[in-house]
Amino acid sequence: MSEQKFPCSLQACPRCHELFKCGAANIGVCQCNTISLSKEQLTFINQQYDTCLCINCLQVLQYDYEQQTALIIK
């Protein structure tokens, strides 16, 4: 049986307050590793939050950024 060197920690998402497993100590197993965010999207998120978010909130904020950008372009 192999032991994980850097286990995920249980945290409350600062946006939705739901508990999620944060894998910041081992990004290879982190949920956020499944979403591709542009530099601009990361900046948008980092301006609002200074800690890890759950995958659902990352997806919502990615969508929000795209919607705001689309409104500016129109």
C-alpha atoms as a PDB file:
ATOM      1  CA  MET A   1       0.000   0.000   0.000  1.00  0.00           C
ATOM      2  CA  SER A   2       1.517   3.333  -1.013  1.00  0.00           C
ATOM      3  CA  GLU A   3       1.148   6.394   1.143  1.00  0.00           C
ATOM      4  CA  GLN A   4       0.521   9.836  -0.343  1.00  0.00           C
ATOM      5  CA  LYS A   5       3.306  12.263   0.576  1.00  0.00           C
ATOM      6  CA  PHE A   6       1.103  15.330   0.231  1.00  0.00           C
ATOM      7  CA  PRO A   7      -2.508  14.476   1.012  1.00  0.00           C
ATOM      8  CA  CYS A   8      -5.348  16.735   0.026  1.00  0.00           C
ATOM      9  CA  SER A   9      -6.740  18.879   2.812  1.00  0.00           C
ATOM     10  CA  LEU A  10     -10.418  19.488   3.432  1.00  0.00           C
ATOM     11  CA  GLN A  11     -11.202  23.205   3.103  1.00  0.00           C
ATOM     12  CA  ALA A  12     -14.235  25.451   2.846  1.00  0.00           C
ATOM     13  CA  CYS A  13     -14.479  27.297  -0.454  1.00  0.00           C
ATOM     14  CA  PRO A  14     -14.394  31.051   0.251  1.00  0.00           C
ATOM     15  CA  ARG A  15     -17.013  31.689  -2.453  1.00  0.00           C
ATOM     16  CA  CYS A  16     -19.706  29.042  -1.834  1.00  0.00           C
ATOM     17  CA  HIS A  17     -18.572  27.789   1.613  1.00  0.00           C
ATOM     18  CA  GLU A  18     -18.847  24.141   0.518  1.00  0.00           C
ATOM     19  CA  LEU A  19     -16.153  21.742   1.699  1.00  0.00           C
ATOM     20  CA  PHE A  20     -13.753  20.465  -0.945  1.00  0.00           C
ATOM     21  CA  LYS A  21     -10.473  18.578  -1.107  1.00  0.00           C
ATOM     22  CA  CYS A  22      -7.691  21.050  -1.821  1.00  0.00           C
ATOM     23  CA  GLY A  23      -4.611  19.516  -3.370  1.00  0.00           C
ATOM     24  CA  ALA A  24      -2.413  22.616  -3.417  1.00  0.00           C
ATOM     25  CA  ALA A  25       0.347  20.639  -1.708  1.00  0.00           C
ATOM     26  CA  ASN A  26       0.275  18.165  -4.614  1.00  0.00           C
ATOM     27  CA  ILE A  27      -1.144  19.983  -7.643  1.00  0.00           C
ATOM     28  CA  GLY A  28      -1.097  16.786  -9.706  1.00  0.00           C
ATOM     29  CA  VAL A  29      -4.044  15.411  -7.722  1.00  0.00           C
ATOM     30  CA  CYS A  30      -5.875  18.707  -7.207  1.00  0.00           C
ATOM     31  CA  GLN A  31      -9.324  19.281  -8.728  1.00  0.00           C
ATOM     32  CA  CYS A  32      -8.159  22.599 -10.153  1.00  0.00           C
ATOM     33  CA  ASN A  33      -5.739  20.665 -12.336  1.00  0.00           C
ATOM     34  CA  THR A  34      -8.775  19.642 -14.428  1.00  0.00           C
ATOM     35  CA  ILE A  35      -9.644  23.187 -15.546  1.00  0.00           C
ATOM     36  CA  SER A  36      -7.674  25.300 -17.984  1.00  0.00           C
ATOM     37  CA  LEU A  37      -7.679  28.985 -17.056  1.00  0.00           C
ATOM     38  CA  SER A  38      -6.057  31.715 -19.110  1.00  0.00           C
ATOM     39  CA  LYS A  39      -3.718  34.249 -17.521  1.00  0.00           C
ATOM     40  CA  GLU A  40      -6.522  36.824 -17.757  1.00  0.00           C
ATOM     41  CA  GLN A  41      -9.026  34.506 -16.089  1.00  0.00           C
ATOM     42  CA  LEU A  42      -6.559  33.775 -13.272  1.00  0.00           C
ATOM     43  CA  THR A  43      -6.019  37.497 -12.750  1.00  0.00           C
ATOM     44  CA  PHE A  44      -9.795  38.045 -12.638  1.00  0.00           C
ATOM     45  CA  ILE A  45     -10.176  35.314  -9.999  1.00  0.00           C
ATOM     46  CA  ASN A  46      -7.129  36.414  -7.979  1.00  0.00           C
ATOM     47  CA  GLN A  47      -8.518  39.957  -7.773  1.00  0.00           C
ATOM     48  CA  GLN A  48     -11.516  38.541  -5.894  1.00  0.00           C
ATOM     49  CA  TYR A  49     -10.030  35.647  -3.895  1.00  0.00           C
ATOM     50  CA  ASP A  50      -6.622  35.014  -2.391  1.00  0.00           C
ATOM     51  CA  THR A  51      -6.978  31.314  -1.625  1.00  0.00           C
ATOM     52  CA  CYS A  52      -8.070  28.081  -3.304  1.00  0.00           C
ATOM     53  CA  LEU A  53     -11.620  27.650  -4.573  1.00  0.00           C
ATOM     54  CA  CYS A  54     -13.632  24.529  -5.336  1.00  0.00           C
ATOM     55  CA  ILE A  55     -13.810  23.352  -8.939  1.00  0.00           C
ATOM     56  CA  ASN A  56     -17.468  24.392  -9.286  1.00  0.00           C
ATOM     57  CA  CYS A  57     -16.687  27.978  -8.314  1.00  0.00           C
ATOM     58  CA  LEU A  58     -13.658  28.061 -10.608  1.00  0.00           C
ATOM     59  CA  GLN A  59     -15.913  27.014 -13.484  1.00  0.00           C
ATOM     60  CA  VAL A  60     -18.535  29.639 -12.576  1.00  0.00           C
ATOM     61  CA  LEU A  61     -15.911  32.384 -12.338  1.00  0.00           C
ATOM     62  CA  GLN A  62     -14.399  31.295 -15.646  1.00  0.00           C
ATOM     63  CA  TYR A  63     -17.857  31.611 -17.212  1.00  0.00           C
ATOM     64  CA  ASP A  64     -18.446  34.993 -15.505  1.00  0.00           C
ATOM     65  CA  TYR A  65     -15.166  36.294 -16.915  1.00  0.00           C
ATOM     66  CA  GLU A  66     -16.105  35.157 -20.416  1.00  0.00           C
ATOM     67  CA  GLN A  67     -19.524  36.816 -20.128  1.00  0.00           C
ATOM     68  CA  GLN A  68     -18.026  40.109 -18.932  1.00  0.00           C
ATOM     69  CA  THR A  69     -15.435  40.024 -21.697  1.00  0.00           C
ATOM     70  CA  ALA A  70     -18.134  39.348 -24.301  1.00  0.00           C
ATOM     71  CA  LEU A  71     -20.119  42.374 -23.087  1.00  0.00           C
ATOM     72  CA  ILE A  72     -17.065  44.626 -23.369  1.00  0.00           C
ATOM     73  CA  ILE A  73     -16.328  43.446 -26.913  1.00  0.00           C
ATOM     74  CA  LYS A  74     -19.902  44.114 -28.125  1.00  0.00           C
END
